[in-house]
Structures are given as C-alpha cells and as structure tokens.
Amino acid sequence: MPTIRGTFDVIITPETLSDTAAQSGLGRLSLAKRYHGALDASARGEMLSARASVAGSAGYVALERVEGTLDGRHGSFYLQHSGTMTRGAPALSVTVVPDTGTEQLQGLSGSLAIRIEEGKHYYAFTYEIADAP
C-alpha cells in the first residue's frame, strides 16, 4: 500500500449546539481543510469534542468529506476521526469510511496520520484502491 505525504491547512470554527448537547458540555466545530501534495483536495467536516476536568485530557470525533485528486485520481471520500488526549498524551485514528469513494476513488480504503510541528499540519496517507464491487 502506498503512503503519500504532504501538508494541509485547516480553519476551525465554533458552531452552536442543540440545547440538549450544550447542557452536556460538548463542543461543536466546523472544519474547512485544504490538502496539498499527492492529495490535492479540499474538505469540509464537523467535530464534536469533550474536555475533562483534568488538564490535558479531552476527546473528539469528526467526519469530513474530502474532494479532489489522490495521486491523479479524481473523486471524493469520507474520513472518520477518533482522538483522545490523556494528560497530554495524544492518540488519534483517522480512517477512510468504507465504500465512500466516488468516481476514480471507488474502492478506496486507508488511514491518515496527522503531525503538527511549529503550527504546521502534515499528513501521511496510507491507502489502497481495490476493484469496486
């Protein structure tokens, strides 16, 4: 399975929660991303987050729809995020939602790793494209 690497820009905007969710202490954010490199794409998504009373502990889930080109193949797909921070120690899983690839990305599967250094966002995307069913 090939792994491609690049950078991305992200704009995170706080959003309003329903009354029920707001009372639970959740946070809601919209995501707007631009991927650069072999993944040349834009993405939009939503994130739900929760912070613990212990400093450095939190969790989030998110979904984003990515549209553009992946190694020259055009289409779209969804990424699903699940992240936790335990007293400052991060754990993150970002995977392609099965069977969401469209056009030339039908049959796409894989996972995306995110690294942030000095405020710059980097990705490493390991993927494969199987024959569509």
Protein backbone atom coordinates (compact mmCIF):
# COMPACT_ATOMS: atom_id res chain seq x y z
CA MET A 1 0.00 0.00 0.00
CA PRO A 2 1.48 3.36 -0.98
CA THR A 3 1.96 6.15 1.54
CA ILE A 4 1.80 9.76 0.37
CA ARG A 5 2.83 12.76 2.41
CA GLY A 6 2.01 16.43 2.32
CA THR A 7 0.69 19.39 4.25
CA PHE A 8 -2.75 20.77 4.93
CA ASP A 9 -4.31 23.99 6.13
CA VAL A 10 -7.30 23.94 8.45
CA ILE A 11 -9.80 26.53 9.62
CA ILE A 12 -11.73 25.51 12.74
CA THR A 13 -14.89 27.48 13.55
CA PRO A 14 -17.01 27.08 16.72
CA GLU A 15 -20.63 26.19 15.98
CA THR A 16 -23.85 26.27 18.00
CA LEU A 17 -25.02 23.07 19.69
CA SER A 18 -28.57 21.95 20.35
CA ASP A 19 -29.81 22.86 23.84
CA THR A 20 -29.51 19.24 24.98
CA ALA A 21 -25.93 18.86 23.71
CA ALA A 22 -24.88 22.26 25.09
CA GLN A 23 -26.00 21.19 28.58
CA SER A 24 -23.81 18.10 28.30
CA GLY A 25 -20.61 20.14 27.99
CA LEU A 26 -19.84 19.10 24.43
CA GLY A 27 -18.22 21.43 21.92
CA ARG A 28 -19.08 21.54 18.20
CA LEU A 29 -16.74 22.83 15.50
CA SER A 30 -16.82 23.05 11.71
CA LEU A 31 -13.72 22.15 9.72
CA ALA A 32 -12.53 23.57 6.40
CA LYS A 33 -9.34 22.00 5.08
CA ARG A 34 -7.09 22.25 2.06
CA TYR A 35 -4.73 19.32 1.42
CA HIS A 36 -1.53 19.88 -0.59
CA GLY A 37 0.71 17.33 -2.29
CA ALA A 38 -0.27 13.99 -3.81
CA LEU A 39 -3.62 14.51 -2.06
CA ASP A 40 -4.73 17.75 -3.72
CA ALA A 41 -8.15 18.27 -2.22
CA SER A 42 -10.48 20.35 -0.11
CA ALA A 43 -12.55 19.05 2.78
CA ARG A 44 -15.45 20.13 4.97
CA GLY A 45 -16.49 18.48 8.18
CA GLU A 46 -17.90 18.59 11.70
CA MET A 47 -16.26 17.81 15.02
CA LEU A 48 -17.70 17.09 18.47
CA SER A 49 -15.38 17.45 21.45
CA ALA A 50 -15.36 16.99 25.20
CA ARG A 51 -12.83 18.28 27.73
CA ALA A 52 -12.14 16.61 31.04
CA SER A 53 -11.67 18.43 34.31
CA VAL A 54 -8.07 17.11 34.34
CA ALA A 55 -5.71 19.38 32.39
CA GLY A 56 -4.61 17.91 29.05
CA SER A 57 -7.38 15.31 28.83
CA ALA A 58 -10.04 15.50 26.11
CA GLY A 59 -11.64 13.61 23.26
CA TYR A 60 -13.10 14.29 19.84
CA VAL A 61 -14.86 12.59 16.96
CA ALA A 62 -15.22 14.07 13.48
CA LEU A 63 -16.27 13.31 9.93
CA GLU A 64 -15.02 15.16 6.88
CA ARG A 65 -15.83 14.87 3.19
CA VAL A 66 -12.68 15.13 1.06
CA GLU A 67 -12.95 16.00 -2.64
CA GLY A 68 -10.15 16.38 -5.17
CA THR A 69 -7.38 14.21 -6.57
CA LEU A 70 -5.39 11.43 -4.93
CA ASP A 71 -2.27 10.56 -6.93
CA GLY A 72 -4.02 11.93 -10.02
CA ARG A 73 -7.34 10.10 -9.49
CA HIS A 74 -10.37 12.35 -9.02
CA GLY A 75 -13.25 11.75 -6.64
CA SER A 76 -14.39 12.13 -3.07
CA PHE A 77 -14.44 10.09 0.14
CA TYR A 78 -15.12 10.49 3.86
CA LEU A 79 -12.60 10.39 6.70
CA GLN A 80 -13.64 9.41 10.23
CA HIS A 81 -11.60 10.76 13.19
CA SER A 82 -11.42 9.46 16.75
CA GLY A 83 -8.96 11.24 19.01
CA THR A 84 -8.14 11.30 22.70
CA MET A 85 -5.67 13.19 24.83
CA THR A 86 -4.77 11.61 28.17
CA ARG A 87 -2.96 14.16 30.34
CA GLY A 88 -1.19 15.48 27.25
CA ALA A 89 -0.51 12.12 25.54
CA PRO A 90 -2.34 12.03 22.19
CA ALA A 91 -3.92 9.04 20.44
CA LEU A 92 -5.55 9.51 17.04
CA SER A 93 -7.19 7.27 14.46
CA VAL A 94 -8.27 8.70 11.08
CA THR A 95 -9.63 6.17 8.59
CA VAL A 96 -11.47 6.17 5.29
CA VAL A 97 -15.15 5.34 5.82
CA PRO A 98 -15.68 2.08 3.87
CA ASP A 99 -17.31 2.30 0.44
CA THR A 100 -17.49 6.12 0.39
CA GLY A 101 -15.05 6.59 -2.51
CA THR A 102 -16.62 8.05 -5.66
CA GLU A 103 -15.58 8.26 -9.31
CA GLN A 104 -11.93 7.14 -9.69
CA LEU A 105 -11.65 6.62 -5.92
CA GLN A 106 -14.24 3.82 -5.69
CA GLY A 107 -12.80 1.00 -3.58
CA LEU A 108 -10.58 3.37 -1.55
CA SER A 109 -9.50 2.30 1.93
CA GLY A 110 -6.76 3.51 4.22
CA SER A 111 -5.68 5.59 7.16
CA LEU A 112 -4.30 9.07 7.59
CA ALA A 113 -1.76 10.13 10.23
CA ILE A 114 -1.56 13.78 11.30
CA ARG A 115 1.51 15.53 12.70
CA ILE A 116 1.67 19.14 13.87
CA GLU A 117 5.06 20.84 14.19
CA GLU A 118 5.56 24.53 14.92
CA GLY A 119 1.94 25.22 13.95
CA LYS A 120 2.20 23.49 10.55
CA HIS A 121 -0.02 20.46 9.77
CA TYR A 122 1.40 17.40 7.97
CA TYR A 123 -0.31 14.22 6.80
CA ALA A 124 0.83 10.72 5.83
CA PHE A 125 -1.92 8.82 4.00
CA THR A 126 -1.54 5.06 3.53
CA TYR A 127 -4.16 3.77 1.14
CA GLU A 128 -5.19 1.28 -1.49
CA ILE A 129 -7.84 1.27 -4.17
CA ALA A 130 -9.41 -2.14 -4.69
CA ASP A 131 -11.66 -3.07 -7.54
CA ALA A 132 -15.11 -1.64 -6.80
CA PRO A 133 -17.80 -4.26 -6.02
